[in-house]
Amino acid sequence: MTNTQDRRSPSSAPRTARLALVGDRSPGVVSHTRIPALLDALAARDRLFLDAYWIPTGDAEAEDAVRGFDAVWVLPGSPYRSEAGVLTAVRTAREAGIPFLGTCGGFQHALLEYARNVCGLTRVAHAENDPDADDFLIEPLACSLVGHEAVVRVEPGTLAESVIGSERTVERYFCAYGPSRHLDTLRVHGLRFSGYDEDGHVRVAELPGHPFFLASLFQPELAGDGSRPHPMIRALARAAARHAARDGRTASVS
């Protein structure tokens, strides 16, 4: 049975892949309420079994908070109670090769972590978290995407394309902030932008060479009615199962 109660560490000796859901769980965040049905659908439709635990962002500040998990999903719900906790979780997944998915706020903070810890842009900020900062990596969008659907054009030959299965997709957003500055610096240091809106604004990022590292400004958890998990969510689950199998634990991969 999937466990989605708040926990700081995974259960002992599970027979399924272990998923850390990083975020400040709230019934007022639609994407959070979708998680139980998505996990059930992954098990029923895809035979992908995930033992999922919520990690509040304050708890995620601990260096080992997400170690031992087979995947990390940083969910929407910003501003988070602890920016530092989210960044620590992203960094651990990136450096330890743990499959990672970041959606909406998770996408924004994945870029922020990379800019600070890989590119050396230690002073860049998220305008929602630090509105008085001098240098924003993530700033208010010219046109808010809260409640909108929009086309995303996916770069051929990328992880995003292999996961989504198309070079064009229509996705749902609930976001008013996005990346704007220092994007060339992130590219030079190895981050790949693999999805753009029709105006050329970045909407998907990935990290070549990592087992699975994918982030989107849109929210794949809002696709449809939740009974058919979005391809990005299925891909994360498969990556988690592979990670569990490599660790010698039993996990279903289909």
C-alpha atoms as a PDB file:
ATOM      1  CA  MET A   1       0.000   0.000   0.000  1.00  0.00           C
ATOM      2  CA  THR A   2       1.285   3.458  -0.868  1.00  0.00           C
ATOM      3  CA  ASN A   3       2.118   5.530   2.199  1.00  0.00           C
ATOM      4  CA  THR A   4       1.777   9.302   1.773  1.00  0.00           C
ATOM      5  CA  GLN A   5       1.903  10.363   5.392  1.00  0.00           C
ATOM      6  CA  ASP A   6       4.500  12.908   6.533  1.00  0.00           C
ATOM      7  CA  ARG A   7       7.797  11.182   7.342  1.00  0.00           C
ATOM      8  CA  ARG A   8      11.415  12.280   7.617  1.00  0.00           C
ATOM      9  CA  SER A   9      12.966   9.026   6.436  1.00  0.00           C
ATOM     10  CA  PRO A  10      11.955   6.010   4.320  1.00  0.00           C
ATOM     11  CA  SER A  11      10.574   2.870   5.865  1.00  0.00           C
ATOM     12  CA  SER A  12      12.914  -0.042   6.365  1.00  0.00           C
ATOM     13  CA  ALA A  13      13.401  -2.789   3.765  1.00  0.00           C
ATOM     14  CA  PRO A  14      10.506  -1.924   1.433  1.00  0.00           C
ATOM     15  CA  ARG A  15       9.754  -4.077  -1.610  1.00  0.00           C
ATOM     16  CA  THR A  16       8.883  -1.073  -3.785  1.00  0.00           C
ATOM     17  CA  ALA A  17      10.766   1.996  -4.968  1.00  0.00           C
ATOM     18  CA  ARG A  18      10.831   4.812  -2.445  1.00  0.00           C
ATOM     19  CA  LEU A  19       9.759   8.300  -3.462  1.00  0.00           C
ATOM     20  CA  ALA A  20      10.421  11.517  -1.543  1.00  0.00           C
ATOM     21  CA  LEU A  21       7.708  14.117  -2.120  1.00  0.00           C
ATOM     22  CA  VAL A  22       9.356  17.391  -1.140  1.00  0.00           C
ATOM     23  CA  GLY A  23       6.932  20.199  -0.390  1.00  0.00           C
ATOM     24  CA  ASP A  24       4.711  21.723   2.252  1.00  0.00           C
ATOM     25  CA  ARG A  25       1.690  19.453   1.907  1.00  0.00           C
ATOM     26  CA  SER A  26      -1.594  21.335   1.732  1.00  0.00           C
ATOM     27  CA  PRO A  27      -5.188  20.438   0.755  1.00  0.00           C
ATOM     28  CA  GLY A  28      -5.325  23.874  -0.871  1.00  0.00           C
ATOM     29  CA  VAL A  29      -2.708  22.954  -3.487  1.00  0.00           C
ATOM     30  CA  VAL A  30      -4.459  21.036  -6.265  1.00  0.00           C
ATOM     31  CA  SER A  31      -1.333  19.208  -7.379  1.00  0.00           C
ATOM     32  CA  HIS A  32      -0.878  17.844  -3.839  1.00  0.00           C
ATOM     33  CA  THR A  33      -4.402  16.447  -3.771  1.00  0.00           C
ATOM     34  CA  ARG A  34      -3.716  14.624  -7.055  1.00  0.00           C
ATOM     35  CA  ILE A  35      -0.795  12.600  -5.699  1.00  0.00           C
ATOM     36  CA  PRO A  36      -2.662   9.642  -4.085  1.00  0.00           C
ATOM     37  CA  ALA A  37      -4.682   8.950  -7.246  1.00  0.00           C
ATOM     38  CA  LEU A  38      -1.594   9.262  -9.442  1.00  0.00           C
ATOM     39  CA  LEU A  39       0.300   6.754  -7.306  1.00  0.00           C
ATOM     40  CA  ASP A  40      -2.646   4.359  -7.386  1.00  0.00           C
ATOM     41  CA  ALA A  41      -2.858   4.720 -11.171  1.00  0.00           C
ATOM     42  CA  LEU A  42       0.854   4.025 -11.583  1.00  0.00           C
ATOM     43  CA  ALA A  43       0.401   0.802  -9.633  1.00  0.00           C
ATOM     44  CA  ALA A  44      -2.813  -0.286 -11.359  1.00  0.00           C
ATOM     45  CA  ARG A  45      -2.041   0.751 -14.947  1.00  0.00           C
ATOM     46  CA  ASP A  46       1.737   0.528 -15.169  1.00  0.00           C
ATOM     47  CA  ARG A  47       2.661  -1.933 -12.389  1.00  0.00           C
ATOM     48  CA  LEU A  48       4.959   0.726 -10.978  1.00  0.00           C
ATOM     49  CA  PHE A  49       4.836   0.669  -7.192  1.00  0.00           C
ATOM     50  CA  LEU A  50       6.055   3.683  -5.238  1.00  0.00           C
ATOM     51  CA  ASP A  51       6.269   3.950  -1.473  1.00  0.00           C
ATOM     52  CA  ALA A  52       5.882   7.714  -1.147  1.00  0.00           C
ATOM     53  CA  TYR A  53       6.676   9.942   1.822  1.00  0.00           C
ATOM     54  CA  TRP A  54       6.123  13.647   2.208  1.00  0.00           C
ATOM     55  CA  ILE A  55       9.198  15.584   3.305  1.00  0.00           C
ATOM     56  CA  PRO A  56       8.256  19.077   4.563  1.00  0.00           C
ATOM     57  CA  THR A  57      10.695  21.674   3.273  1.00  0.00           C
ATOM     58  CA  GLY A  58      11.921  22.459   6.782  1.00  0.00           C
ATOM     59  CA  ASP A  59      12.836  18.796   7.319  1.00  0.00           C
ATOM     60  CA  ALA A  60      14.532  18.753   3.909  1.00  0.00           C
ATOM     61  CA  GLU A  61      17.239  21.065   5.250  1.00  0.00           C
ATOM     62  CA  ALA A  62      18.934  17.999   6.762  1.00  0.00           C
ATOM     63  CA  GLU A  63      21.714  16.828   4.459  1.00  0.00           C
ATOM     64  CA  ASP A  64      20.472  13.210   4.537  1.00  0.00           C
ATOM     65  CA  ALA A  65      16.753  13.969   4.259  1.00  0.00           C
ATOM     66  CA  VAL A  66      16.325  12.444   0.790  1.00  0.00           C
ATOM     67  CA  ARG A  67      19.272  10.044   0.786  1.00  0.00           C
ATOM     68  CA  GLY A  68      18.128   6.447   0.609  1.00  0.00           C
ATOM     69  CA  PHE A  69      15.161   7.293  -1.598  1.00  0.00           C
ATOM     70  CA  ASP A  70      14.920   6.067  -5.169  1.00  0.00           C
ATOM     71  CA  ALA A  71      13.486   9.310  -6.525  1.00  0.00           C
ATOM     72  CA  VAL A  72      12.861  12.886  -5.428  1.00  0.00           C
ATOM     73  CA  TRP A  73       9.910  14.942  -6.643  1.00  0.00           C
ATOM     74  CA  VAL A  74       9.891  18.622  -5.661  1.00  0.00           C
ATOM     75  CA  LEU A  75       6.261  19.602  -5.955  1.00  0.00           C
ATOM     76  CA  PRO A  76       4.523  22.955  -6.466  1.00  0.00           C
ATOM     77  CA  GLY A  77       3.412  25.071  -3.538  1.00  0.00           C
ATOM     78  CA  SER A  78       5.854  27.971  -3.438  1.00  0.00           C
ATOM     79  CA  PRO A  79       6.757  30.110  -1.669  1.00  0.00           C
ATOM     80  CA  TYR A  80       8.049  27.182   0.330  1.00  0.00           C
ATOM     81  CA  ARG A  81       8.476  27.449   4.070  1.00  0.00           C
ATOM     82  CA  SER A  82      12.170  26.696   3.598  1.00  0.00           C
ATOM     83  CA  GLU A  83      13.963  27.657   0.397  1.00  0.00           C
ATOM     84  CA  ALA A  84      17.121  26.167   1.901  1.00  0.00           C
ATOM     85  CA  GLY A  85      15.412  22.809   2.394  1.00  0.00           C
ATOM     86  CA  VAL A  86      14.249  22.618  -1.203  1.00  0.00           C
ATOM     87  CA  LEU A  87      17.687  23.571  -2.518  1.00  0.00           C
ATOM     88  CA  THR A  88      19.332  20.941  -0.315  1.00  0.00           C
ATOM     89  CA  ALA A  89      16.987  18.246  -1.634  1.00  0.00           C
ATOM     90  CA  VAL A  90      17.666  19.254  -5.238  1.00  0.00           C
ATOM     91  CA  ARG A  91      21.412  19.279  -4.675  1.00  0.00           C
ATOM     92  CA  THR A  92      21.396  15.856  -3.026  1.00  0.00           C
ATOM     93  CA  ALA A  93      19.409  14.339  -5.903  1.00  0.00           C
ATOM     94  CA  ARG A  94      21.686  15.980  -8.462  1.00  0.00           C
ATOM     95  CA  GLU A  95      24.976  15.017  -6.826  1.00  0.00           C
ATOM     96  CA  ALA A  96      23.949  11.524  -5.690  1.00  0.00           C
ATOM     97  CA  GLY A  97      22.372  10.518  -9.008  1.00  0.00           C
ATOM     98  CA  ILE A  98      18.906  10.072  -7.507  1.00  0.00           C
ATOM     99  CA  PRO A  99      16.135  10.371 -10.137  1.00  0.00           C
ATOM    100  CA  PHE A 100      14.622  13.842  -9.863  1.00  0.00           C
ATOM    101  CA  LEU A 101      11.495  15.606 -11.051  1.00  0.00           C
ATOM    102  CA  GLY A 102      10.748  19.250 -10.295  1.00  0.00           C
ATOM    103  CA  THR A 103       7.427  20.785 -11.289  1.00  0.00           C
ATOM    104  CA  CYS A 104       6.452  24.464 -11.177  1.00  0.00           C
ATOM    105  CA  GLY A 105       8.224  25.686  -8.011  1.00  0.00           C
ATOM    106  CA  GLY A 106      10.386  22.575  -8.207  1.00  0.00           C
ATOM    107  CA  PHE A 107      11.551  23.637 -11.676  1.00  0.00           C
ATOM    108  CA  GLN A 108      12.327  27.143 -10.469  1.00  0.00           C
ATOM    109  CA  HIS A 109      14.350  25.917  -7.506  1.00  0.00           C
ATOM    110  CA  ALA A 110      16.191  23.291  -9.568  1.00  0.00           C
ATOM    111  CA  LEU A 111      17.501  26.133 -11.726  1.00  0.00           C
ATOM    112  CA  LEU A 112      18.264  28.235  -8.663  1.00  0.00           C
ATOM    113  CA  GLU A 113      20.259  25.399  -7.045  1.00  0.00           C
ATOM    114  CA  TYR A 114      22.228  24.826 -10.233  1.00  0.00           C
ATOM    115  CA  ALA A 115      22.975  28.506 -10.697  1.00  0.00           C
ATOM    116  CA  ARG A 116      24.291  28.903  -7.167  1.00  0.00           C
ATOM    117  CA  ASN A 117      26.141  25.632  -6.639  1.00  0.00           C
ATOM    118  CA  VAL A 118      27.388  24.765 -10.130  1.00  0.00           C
ATOM    119  CA  CYS A 119      27.635  28.102 -11.934  1.00  0.00           C
ATOM    120  CA  GLY A 120      28.896  30.099  -8.966  1.00  0.00           C
ATOM    121  CA  LEU A 121      26.067  32.630  -9.201  1.00  0.00           C
ATOM    122  CA  THR A 122      25.746  32.728  -5.438  1.00  0.00           C
ATOM    123  CA  ARG A 123      23.743  35.957  -5.286  1.00  0.00           C
ATOM    124  CA  VAL A 124      20.951  35.090  -7.725  1.00  0.00           C
ATOM    125  CA  ALA A 125      17.498  34.958  -6.184  1.00  0.00           C
ATOM    126  CA  HIS A 126      13.888  34.000  -6.664  1.00  0.00           C
ATOM    127  CA  ALA A 127      11.753  37.144  -6.719  1.00  0.00           C
ATOM    128  CA  GLU A 128       8.915  35.427  -4.856  1.00  0.00           C
ATOM    129  CA  ASN A 129      11.264  34.494  -2.001  1.00  0.00           C
ATOM    130  CA  ASP A 130      13.469  37.583  -1.963  1.00  0.00           C
ATOM    131  CA  PRO A 131      11.741  40.527  -3.679  1.00  0.00           C
ATOM    132  CA  ASP A 132      14.445  42.987  -2.592  1.00  0.00           C
ATOM    133  CA  ALA A 133      17.348  41.058  -4.131  1.00  0.00           C
ATOM    134  CA  ASP A 134      19.570  42.722  -6.711  1.00  0.00           C
ATOM    135  CA  ASP A 135      19.848  39.832  -9.168  1.00  0.00           C
ATOM    136  CA  PHE A 136      16.881  37.634 -10.069  1.00  0.00           C
ATOM    137  CA  LEU A 137      17.190  34.293 -11.809  1.00  0.00           C
ATOM    138  CA  ILE A 138      13.452  33.675 -11.324  1.00  0.00           C
ATOM    139  CA  GLU A 139      11.233  36.725 -11.704  1.00  0.00           C
ATOM    140  CA  PRO A 140       7.576  37.586 -12.390  1.00  0.00           C
ATOM    141  CA  LEU A 141       6.388  36.453 -15.806  1.00  0.00           C
ATOM    142  CA  ALA A 142       5.300  39.171 -18.195  1.00  0.00           C
ATOM    143  CA  CYS A 143       1.988  37.330 -18.400  1.00  0.00           C
ATOM    144  CA  SER A 144       0.922  35.138 -15.475  1.00  0.00           C
ATOM    145  CA  LEU A 145       0.272  31.504 -16.375  1.00  0.00           C
ATOM    146  CA  VAL A 146      -1.979  30.821 -13.398  1.00  0.00           C
ATOM    147  CA  GLY A 147      -4.785  28.580 -14.623  1.00  0.00           C
ATOM    148  CA  HIS A 148      -3.589  28.597 -18.243  1.00  0.00           C
ATOM    149  CA  GLU A 149      -2.864  25.915 -20.816  1.00  0.00           C
ATOM    150  CA  ALA A 150      -0.171  26.559 -23.401  1.00  0.00           C
ATOM    151  CA  VAL A 151       1.873  24.848 -26.088  1.00  0.00           C
ATOM    152  CA  VAL A 152       5.339  23.587 -25.196  1.00  0.00           C
ATOM    153  CA  ARG A 153       7.754  22.827 -28.022  1.00  0.00           C
ATOM    154  CA  VAL A 154      10.147  20.051 -27.062  1.00  0.00           C
ATOM    155  CA  GLU A 155      13.687  19.894 -28.417  1.00  0.00           C
ATOM    156  CA  PRO A 156      14.410  16.770 -30.488  1.00  0.00           C
ATOM    157  CA  GLY A 157      16.934  14.306 -29.141  1.00  0.00           C
ATOM    158  CA  THR A 158      16.364  15.247 -25.499  1.00  0.00           C
ATOM    159  CA  LEU A 159      15.232  13.336 -22.446  1.00  0.00           C
ATOM    160  CA  ALA A 160      12.059  15.426 -22.501  1.00  0.00           C
ATOM    161  CA  GLU A 161      11.257  14.336 -26.040  1.00  0.00           C
ATOM    162  CA  SER A 162      11.927  10.674 -25.282  1.00  0.00           C
ATOM    163  CA  VAL A 163       9.629  10.894 -22.254  1.00  0.00           C
ATOM    164  CA  ILE A 164       6.811  12.946 -23.767  1.00  0.00           C
ATOM    165  CA  GLY A 165       7.024  11.218 -27.146  1.00  0.00           C
ATOM    166  CA  SER A 166       6.350  14.331 -29.168  1.00  0.00           C
ATOM    167  CA  GLU A 167       7.952  17.625 -30.161  1.00  0.00           C
ATOM    168  CA  ARG A 168       4.766  19.504 -29.266  1.00  0.00           C
ATOM    169  CA  THR A 169       2.529  19.218 -26.226  1.00  0.00           C
ATOM    170  CA  VAL A 170      -0.147  21.298 -24.509  1.00  0.00           C
ATOM    171  CA  GLU A 171       0.346  21.592 -20.770  1.00  0.00           C
ATOM    172  CA  ARG A 172      -1.292  23.188 -17.748  1.00  0.00           C
ATOM    173  CA  TYR A 173       0.323  25.841 -15.567  1.00  0.00           C
ATOM    174  CA  PHE A 174      -0.352  27.485 -12.253  1.00  0.00           C
ATOM    175  CA  CYS A 175       2.583  29.843 -12.135  1.00  0.00           C
ATOM    176  CA  ALA A 176       3.464  33.533 -12.100  1.00  0.00           C
ATOM    177  CA  TYR A 177       7.284  33.253 -11.986  1.00  0.00           C
ATOM    178  CA  GLY A 178       9.869  31.932 -14.422  1.00  0.00           C
ATOM    179  CA  PRO A 179      13.551  32.042 -15.437  1.00  0.00           C
ATOM    180  CA  SER A 180      14.875  34.968 -17.419  1.00  0.00           C
ATOM    181  CA  ARG A 181      18.499  35.912 -16.711  1.00  0.00           C
ATOM    182  CA  HIS A 182      21.774  33.944 -16.739  1.00  0.00           C
ATOM    183  CA  LEU A 183      20.335  31.214 -18.954  1.00  0.00           C
ATOM    184  CA  ASP A 184      23.434  31.140 -21.161  1.00  0.00           C
ATOM    185  CA  THR A 185      25.584  30.631 -18.062  1.00  0.00           C
ATOM    186  CA  LEU A 186      23.453  27.675 -17.006  1.00  0.00           C
ATOM    187  CA  ARG A 187      23.812  26.216 -20.514  1.00  0.00           C
ATOM    188  CA  VAL A 188      27.590  26.652 -20.536  1.00  0.00           C
ATOM    189  CA  HIS A 189      27.798  24.793 -17.227  1.00  0.00           C
ATOM    190  CA  GLY A 190      25.878  21.788 -18.550  1.00  0.00           C
ATOM    191  CA  LEU A 191      22.178  22.351 -17.939  1.00  0.00           C
ATOM    192  CA  ARG A 192      20.056  21.740 -21.035  1.00  0.00           C
ATOM    193  CA  PHE A 193      16.844  23.585 -21.799  1.00  0.00           C
ATOM    194  CA  SER A 194      14.682  21.133 -23.695  1.00  0.00           C
ATOM    195  CA  GLY A 195      11.256  22.791 -23.836  1.00  0.00           C
ATOM    196  CA  TYR A 196      10.089  26.273 -24.773  1.00  0.00           C
ATOM    197  CA  ASP A 197       6.803  28.092 -25.164  1.00  0.00           C
ATOM    198  CA  GLU A 198       5.827  29.555 -28.514  1.00  0.00           C
ATOM    199  CA  ASP A 199       7.602  32.811 -27.648  1.00  0.00           C
ATOM    200  CA  GLY A 200      10.862  31.018 -26.928  1.00  0.00           C
ATOM    201  CA  HIS A 201      10.703  31.159 -23.125  1.00  0.00           C
ATOM    202  CA  VAL A 202      12.223  28.231 -21.224  1.00  0.00           C
ATOM    203  CA  ARG A 203       9.693  25.760 -19.849  1.00  0.00           C
ATOM    204  CA  VAL A 204      11.643  22.469 -19.445  1.00  0.00           C
ATOM    205  CA  ALA A 205      15.169  21.728 -18.232  1.00  0.00           C
ATOM    206  CA  GLU A 206      17.216  18.553 -17.865  1.00  0.00           C
ATOM    207  CA  LEU A 207      20.710  17.476 -16.891  1.00  0.00           C
ATOM    208  CA  PRO A 208      22.560  15.283 -19.401  1.00  0.00           C
ATOM    209  CA  GLY A 209      24.640  12.559 -17.801  1.00  0.00           C
ATOM    210  CA  HIS A 210      22.358  12.226 -14.782  1.00  0.00           C
ATOM    211  CA  PRO A 211      20.301   9.000 -14.526  1.00  0.00           C
ATOM    212  CA  PHE A 212      17.088  11.064 -14.626  1.00  0.00           C
ATOM    213  CA  PHE A 213      16.882  14.784 -13.942  1.00  0.00           C
ATOM    214  CA  LEU A 214      13.909  16.619 -15.437  1.00  0.00           C
ATOM    215  CA  ALA A 215      12.067  19.788 -14.462  1.00  0.00           C
ATOM    216  CA  SER A 216       9.131  21.671 -15.947  1.00  0.00           C
ATOM    217  CA  LEU A 217       7.475  24.987 -15.229  1.00  0.00           C
ATOM    218  CA  PHE A 218       4.153  23.374 -16.151  1.00  0.00           C
ATOM    219  CA  GLN A 219       2.451  20.895 -13.831  1.00  0.00           C
ATOM    220  CA  PRO A 220       2.173  17.400 -15.336  1.00  0.00           C
ATOM    221  CA  GLU A 221       0.281  16.260 -12.235  1.00  0.00           C
ATOM    222  CA  LEU A 222      -2.682  18.373 -13.438  1.00  0.00           C
ATOM    223  CA  ALA A 223      -2.997  16.546 -16.761  1.00  0.00           C
ATOM    224  CA  GLY A 224      -6.429  14.997 -17.346  1.00  0.00           C
ATOM    225  CA  ASP A 225      -8.367  13.690 -14.367  1.00  0.00           C
ATOM    226  CA  GLY A 226      -5.408  11.958 -12.730  1.00  0.00           C
ATOM    227  CA  SER A 227      -6.380   8.454 -13.817  1.00  0.00           C
ATOM    228  CA  ARG A 228      -3.669   8.368 -16.512  1.00  0.00           C
ATOM    229  CA  PRO A 229      -0.389   9.715 -15.150  1.00  0.00           C
ATOM    230  CA  HIS A 230       1.436  12.151 -17.405  1.00  0.00           C
ATOM    231  CA  PRO A 231       4.422  10.602 -19.254  1.00  0.00           C
ATOM    232  CA  MET A 232       6.840  12.621 -17.117  1.00  0.00           C
ATOM    233  CA  ILE A 233       5.410  11.094 -13.939  1.00  0.00           C
ATOM    234  CA  ARG A 234       5.519   7.584 -15.394  1.00  0.00           C
ATOM    235  CA  ALA A 235       9.122   8.189 -16.445  1.00  0.00           C
ATOM    236  CA  LEU A 236      10.053   9.259 -12.926  1.00  0.00           C
ATOM    237  CA  ALA A 237       8.431   6.111 -11.537  1.00  0.00           C
ATOM    238  CA  ARG A 238      10.346   3.910 -13.991  1.00  0.00           C
ATOM    239  CA  ALA A 239      13.595   5.667 -13.103  1.00  0.00           C
ATOM    240  CA  ALA A 240      12.856   5.092  -9.413  1.00  0.00           C
ATOM    241  CA  ALA A 241      12.230   1.404 -10.057  1.00  0.00           C
ATOM    242  CA  ARG A 242      15.537   1.110 -11.924  1.00  0.00           C
ATOM    243  CA  HIS A 243      17.316   2.841  -9.051  1.00  0.00           C
ATOM    244  CA  ALA A 244      15.759   0.425  -6.552  1.00  0.00           C
ATOM    245  CA  ALA A 245      16.738  -2.558  -8.707  1.00  0.00           C
ATOM    246  CA  ARG A 246      20.344  -1.365  -8.882  1.00  0.00           C
ATOM    247  CA  ASP A 247      20.356  -1.210  -5.100  1.00  0.00           C
ATOM    248  CA  GLY A 248      19.333  -4.864  -4.964  1.00  0.00           C
ATOM    249  CA  ARG A 249      15.775  -4.281  -3.810  1.00  0.00           C
ATOM    250  CA  THR A 250      12.664  -5.603  -5.551  1.00  0.00           C
ATOM    251  CA  ALA A 251      10.843  -3.014  -7.628  1.00  0.00           C
ATOM    252  CA  SER A 252       8.523  -3.481 -10.574  1.00  0.00           C
ATOM    253  CA  VAL A 253       9.696  -1.989 -13.873  1.00  0.00           C
ATOM    254  CA  SER A 254       7.422  -2.273 -16.880  1.00  0.00           C
END
